[in-house]
Amino acid sequence: MTDTRTPGYKASKEQLLQRLARVEGQVRGVTRMVEEDRYCIDVLTQIEAAEAALNKIALGLLDDHVRHCMQGGKSASDERVDELMAAVGRLVSA
């Protein structure tokens, strides 16, 4: 069965793709670091940076989903959505 709903990120798709490409480059950089036998802590630091970037992308997608897919666009409940997204952000950052 084909899903015909429009994704919430449609308006920011180019920005999303740019962010994903940046993370892809970070991961290739980590691979290169391992190939070059770089210091473990340096590799771990770069992995942490890539994870943080992916988490930020995921939070943005979740925000788009809540605001557009679940809610159907802007409405009076934006304040509640902001509160939810802040809570999710704190959980991911912890």
N, C-alpha and C. Protein backbone atom coordinates (compact mmCIF):
# COMPACT_ATOMS: atom_id res chain seq x y z
N MET A 1 0.84 -1.18 0.00
CA MET A 1 0.00 0.00 0.00
C MET A 1 0.89 1.25 0.00
N THR A 2 0.61 2.22 -0.83
CA THR A 2 1.40 3.43 -0.95
C THR A 2 0.85 4.51 -0.04
N ASP A 3 1.75 5.18 0.68
CA ASP A 3 1.37 6.28 1.56
C ASP A 3 1.40 7.57 0.76
N THR A 4 0.26 8.23 0.60
CA THR A 4 0.17 9.42 -0.23
C THR A 4 0.20 10.72 0.57
N ARG A 5 0.41 10.65 1.87
CA ARG A 5 0.47 11.85 2.69
C ARG A 5 1.75 12.63 2.38
N THR A 6 1.67 13.95 2.50
CA THR A 6 2.83 14.81 2.29
C THR A 6 3.65 14.86 3.57
N PRO A 7 4.96 14.62 3.49
CA PRO A 7 5.78 14.66 4.70
C PRO A 7 5.88 16.08 5.25
N GLY A 8 5.99 16.18 6.57
CA GLY A 8 6.09 17.48 7.22
C GLY A 8 7.34 18.24 6.85
N TYR A 9 8.39 17.55 6.42
CA TYR A 9 9.65 18.20 6.09
C TYR A 9 9.72 18.69 4.64
N LYS A 10 8.65 18.54 3.90
CA LYS A 10 8.66 18.89 2.48
C LYS A 10 9.17 20.31 2.22
N ALA A 11 8.76 21.27 3.04
CA ALA A 11 9.17 22.66 2.84
C ALA A 11 10.67 22.86 3.09
N SER A 12 11.26 22.03 3.93
CA SER A 12 12.68 22.19 4.27
C SER A 12 13.52 21.02 3.76
N LYS A 13 13.06 20.35 2.73
CA LYS A 13 13.74 19.15 2.24
C LYS A 13 15.19 19.43 1.83
N GLU A 14 15.44 20.52 1.13
CA GLU A 14 16.81 20.83 0.69
C GLU A 14 17.74 21.03 1.89
N GLN A 15 17.25 21.75 2.89
CA GLN A 15 18.05 21.96 4.10
C GLN A 15 18.31 20.63 4.80
N LEU A 16 17.31 19.77 4.86
CA LEU A 16 17.46 18.46 5.48
C LEU A 16 18.52 17.64 4.73
N LEU A 17 18.45 17.64 3.43
CA LEU A 17 19.43 16.89 2.63
C LEU A 17 20.84 17.44 2.83
N GLN A 18 20.99 18.76 2.96
CA GLN A 18 22.30 19.35 3.21
C GLN A 18 22.85 18.91 4.56
N ARG A 19 22.00 18.89 5.56
CA ARG A 19 22.43 18.46 6.90
C ARG A 19 22.85 16.99 6.89
N LEU A 20 22.07 16.18 6.20
CA LEU A 20 22.41 14.76 6.11
C LEU A 20 23.73 14.55 5.36
N ALA A 21 23.96 15.32 4.33
CA ALA A 21 25.22 15.22 3.59
C ALA A 21 26.40 15.61 4.49
N ARG A 22 26.19 16.62 5.33
CA ARG A 22 27.24 17.03 6.26
C ARG A 22 27.57 15.90 7.24
N VAL A 23 26.53 15.24 7.75
CA VAL A 23 26.75 14.12 8.68
C VAL A 23 27.45 12.97 7.95
N GLU A 24 27.04 12.73 6.73
CA GLU A 24 27.70 11.69 5.93
C GLU A 24 29.19 11.99 5.81
N GLY A 25 29.53 13.24 5.58
CA GLY A 25 30.94 13.64 5.52
C GLY A 25 31.65 13.43 6.84
N GLN A 26 30.96 13.72 7.94
CA GLN A 26 31.55 13.49 9.26
C GLN A 26 31.86 12.01 9.47
N VAL A 27 30.95 11.15 9.06
CA VAL A 27 31.14 9.71 9.24
C VAL A 27 32.29 9.22 8.36
N ARG A 28 32.38 9.74 7.15
CA ARG A 28 33.54 9.38 6.30
C ARG A 28 34.83 9.84 6.95
N GLY A 29 34.78 10.99 7.60
CA GLY A 29 35.96 11.49 8.32
C GLY A 29 36.35 10.57 9.46
N VAL A 30 35.38 10.02 10.16
CA VAL A 30 35.67 9.07 11.24
C VAL A 30 36.33 7.82 10.66
N THR A 31 35.80 7.35 9.55
CA THR A 31 36.40 6.18 8.89
C THR A 31 37.86 6.46 8.55
N ARG A 32 38.11 7.63 7.99
CA ARG A 32 39.48 8.02 7.62
C ARG A 32 40.38 8.07 8.86
N MET A 33 39.83 8.59 9.96
CA MET A 33 40.61 8.66 11.19
C MET A 33 41.02 7.27 11.67
N VAL A 34 40.10 6.31 11.59
CA VAL A 34 40.41 4.94 12.00
C VAL A 34 41.46 4.34 11.07
N GLU A 35 41.29 4.57 9.77
CA GLU A 35 42.27 4.07 8.80
C GLU A 35 43.66 4.63 9.06
N GLU A 36 43.73 5.87 9.56
CA GLU A 36 45.00 6.53 9.84
C GLU A 36 45.50 6.28 11.26
N ASP A 37 44.81 5.38 11.99
CA ASP A 37 45.20 5.02 13.36
C ASP A 37 45.26 6.24 14.28
N ARG A 38 44.27 7.10 14.19
CA ARG A 38 44.22 8.29 15.05
C ARG A 38 43.90 7.90 16.49
N TYR A 39 44.20 8.77 17.40
CA TYR A 39 44.02 8.57 18.83
C TYR A 39 42.54 8.30 19.13
N CYS A 40 42.29 7.31 19.97
CA CYS A 40 40.92 6.85 20.27
C CYS A 40 39.99 7.99 20.72
N ILE A 41 40.47 8.84 21.59
CA ILE A 41 39.63 9.92 22.11
C ILE A 41 39.23 10.87 20.99
N ASP A 42 40.13 11.12 20.04
CA ASP A 42 39.80 11.98 18.91
C ASP A 42 38.70 11.35 18.05
N VAL A 43 38.79 10.04 17.84
CA VAL A 43 37.77 9.34 17.06
C VAL A 43 36.44 9.38 17.80
N LEU A 44 36.47 9.12 19.10
CA LEU A 44 35.24 9.17 19.89
C LEU A 44 34.61 10.55 19.88
N THR A 45 35.42 11.58 19.92
CA THR A 45 34.91 12.95 19.87
C THR A 45 34.17 13.20 18.56
N GLN A 46 34.71 12.73 17.46
CA GLN A 46 34.07 12.91 16.16
C GLN A 46 32.80 12.08 16.04
N ILE A 47 32.79 10.89 16.63
CA ILE A 47 31.57 10.07 16.64
C ILE A 47 30.48 10.79 17.43
N GLU A 48 30.86 11.37 18.57
CA GLU A 48 29.90 12.11 19.38
C GLU A 48 29.32 13.30 18.60
N ALA A 49 30.16 13.98 17.84
CA ALA A 49 29.69 15.11 17.04
C ALA A 49 28.71 14.65 15.97
N ALA A 50 28.99 13.52 15.33
CA ALA A 50 28.08 12.99 14.31
C ALA A 50 26.76 12.57 14.94
N GLU A 51 26.83 11.94 16.10
CA GLU A 51 25.60 11.55 16.80
C GLU A 51 24.77 12.77 17.17
N ALA A 52 25.42 13.82 17.65
CA ALA A 52 24.71 15.04 18.03
C ALA A 52 24.03 15.65 16.80
N ALA A 53 24.73 15.64 15.67
CA ALA A 53 24.14 16.19 14.44
C ALA A 53 22.93 15.37 14.00
N LEU A 54 23.04 14.04 14.09
CA LEU A 54 21.90 13.19 13.72
C LEU A 54 20.73 13.40 14.68
N ASN A 55 21.03 13.56 15.96
CA ASN A 55 19.96 13.82 16.94
C ASN A 55 19.25 15.13 16.63
N LYS A 56 20.00 16.14 16.23
CA LYS A 56 19.40 17.43 15.89
C LYS A 56 18.50 17.28 14.66
N ILE A 57 18.95 16.53 13.68
CA ILE A 57 18.14 16.27 12.50
C ILE A 57 16.87 15.50 12.89
N ALA A 58 17.03 14.49 13.73
CA ALA A 58 15.88 13.69 14.16
C ALA A 58 14.86 14.55 14.91
N LEU A 59 15.34 15.44 15.77
CA LEU A 59 14.42 16.33 16.49
C LEU A 59 13.69 17.24 15.54
N GLY A 60 14.36 17.72 14.52
CA GLY A 60 13.71 18.56 13.53
C GLY A 60 12.63 17.81 12.77
N LEU A 61 12.92 16.56 12.41
CA LEU A 61 11.93 15.73 11.73
C LEU A 61 10.74 15.45 12.64
N LEU A 62 11.03 15.17 13.90
CA LEU A 62 9.95 14.93 14.86
C LEU A 62 9.09 16.17 15.03
N ASP A 63 9.73 17.33 15.10
CA ASP A 63 9.00 18.59 15.21
C ASP A 63 8.09 18.78 13.99
N ASP A 64 8.63 18.56 12.80
CA ASP A 64 7.82 18.66 11.58
C ASP A 64 6.65 17.69 11.62
N HIS A 65 6.92 16.48 12.07
CA HIS A 65 5.87 15.46 12.13
C HIS A 65 4.75 15.87 13.07
N VAL A 66 5.12 16.34 14.26
CA VAL A 66 4.11 16.73 15.25
C VAL A 66 3.31 17.93 14.76
N ARG A 67 4.00 18.91 14.19
CA ARG A 67 3.32 20.14 13.77
C ARG A 67 2.48 19.96 12.51
N HIS A 68 2.93 19.13 11.58
CA HIS A 68 2.26 19.05 10.29
C HIS A 68 1.48 17.75 10.07
N CYS A 69 2.08 16.65 10.42
CA CYS A 69 1.42 15.37 10.15
C CYS A 69 0.36 15.04 11.20
N MET A 70 0.70 15.22 12.47
CA MET A 70 -0.24 14.87 13.53
C MET A 70 -1.25 15.98 13.77
N GLN A 71 -0.82 17.22 13.65
CA GLN A 71 -1.64 18.36 14.03
C GLN A 71 -2.35 18.97 12.82
N GLY A 72 -1.81 18.75 11.65
CA GLY A 72 -2.44 19.28 10.45
C GLY A 72 -2.12 20.74 10.19
N GLY A 73 -0.96 21.23 10.62
CA GLY A 73 -0.58 22.61 10.37
C GLY A 73 -0.62 23.44 11.63
N LYS A 74 -0.43 24.73 11.48
CA LYS A 74 -0.39 25.65 12.63
C LYS A 74 -1.77 25.75 13.28
N SER A 75 -1.77 25.84 14.59
CA SER A 75 -3.02 26.00 15.32
C SER A 75 -2.74 26.59 16.70
N ALA A 76 -3.76 26.69 17.49
CA ALA A 76 -3.64 27.27 18.82
C ALA A 76 -2.81 26.39 19.76
N SER A 77 -2.59 25.14 19.40
CA SER A 77 -1.85 24.25 20.29
C SER A 77 -0.34 24.29 20.04
N ASP A 78 0.15 25.29 19.29
CA ASP A 78 1.59 25.40 19.04
C ASP A 78 2.39 25.48 20.33
N GLU A 79 1.84 26.13 21.35
CA GLU A 79 2.55 26.24 22.63
C GLU A 79 2.76 24.86 23.24
N ARG A 80 1.77 24.01 23.14
CA ARG A 80 1.90 22.64 23.66
C ARG A 80 2.92 21.85 22.86
N VAL A 81 2.92 22.05 21.55
CA VAL A 81 3.90 21.38 20.70
C VAL A 81 5.31 21.85 21.07
N ASP A 82 5.48 23.15 21.28
CA ASP A 82 6.78 23.68 21.69
C ASP A 82 7.24 23.04 22.99
N GLU A 83 6.31 22.91 23.92
CA GLU A 83 6.63 22.30 25.22
C GLU A 83 7.04 20.84 25.04
N LEU A 84 6.30 20.10 24.22
CA LEU A 84 6.62 18.70 23.95
C LEU A 84 8.00 18.57 23.32
N MET A 85 8.27 19.39 22.31
CA MET A 85 9.55 19.30 21.61
C MET A 85 10.71 19.68 22.52
N ALA A 86 10.52 20.64 23.41
CA ALA A 86 11.56 20.99 24.38
C ALA A 86 11.85 19.82 25.31
N ALA A 87 10.80 19.15 25.75
CA ALA A 87 10.97 17.98 26.63
C ALA A 87 11.70 16.85 25.91
N VAL A 88 11.32 16.59 24.69
CA VAL A 88 12.00 15.54 23.89
C VAL A 88 13.45 15.92 23.67
N GLY A 89 13.70 17.19 23.38
CA GLY A 89 15.07 17.66 23.19
C GLY A 89 15.92 17.46 24.42
N ARG A 90 15.35 17.72 25.59
CA ARG A 90 16.11 17.51 26.83
C ARG A 90 16.40 16.03 27.03
N LEU A 91 15.46 15.16 26.70
CA LEU A 91 15.69 13.72 26.85
C LEU A 91 16.80 13.23 25.92
N VAL A 92 16.80 13.71 24.71
CA VAL A 92 17.81 13.28 23.74
C VAL A 92 19.18 13.81 24.12
N SER A 93 19.23 15.01 24.70
CA SER A 93 20.50 15.64 25.06
C SER A 93 21.10 15.04 26.33
N ALA A 94 20.28 14.38 27.11
CA ALA A 94 20.73 13.85 28.42
C ALA A 94 21.68 12.69 28.26
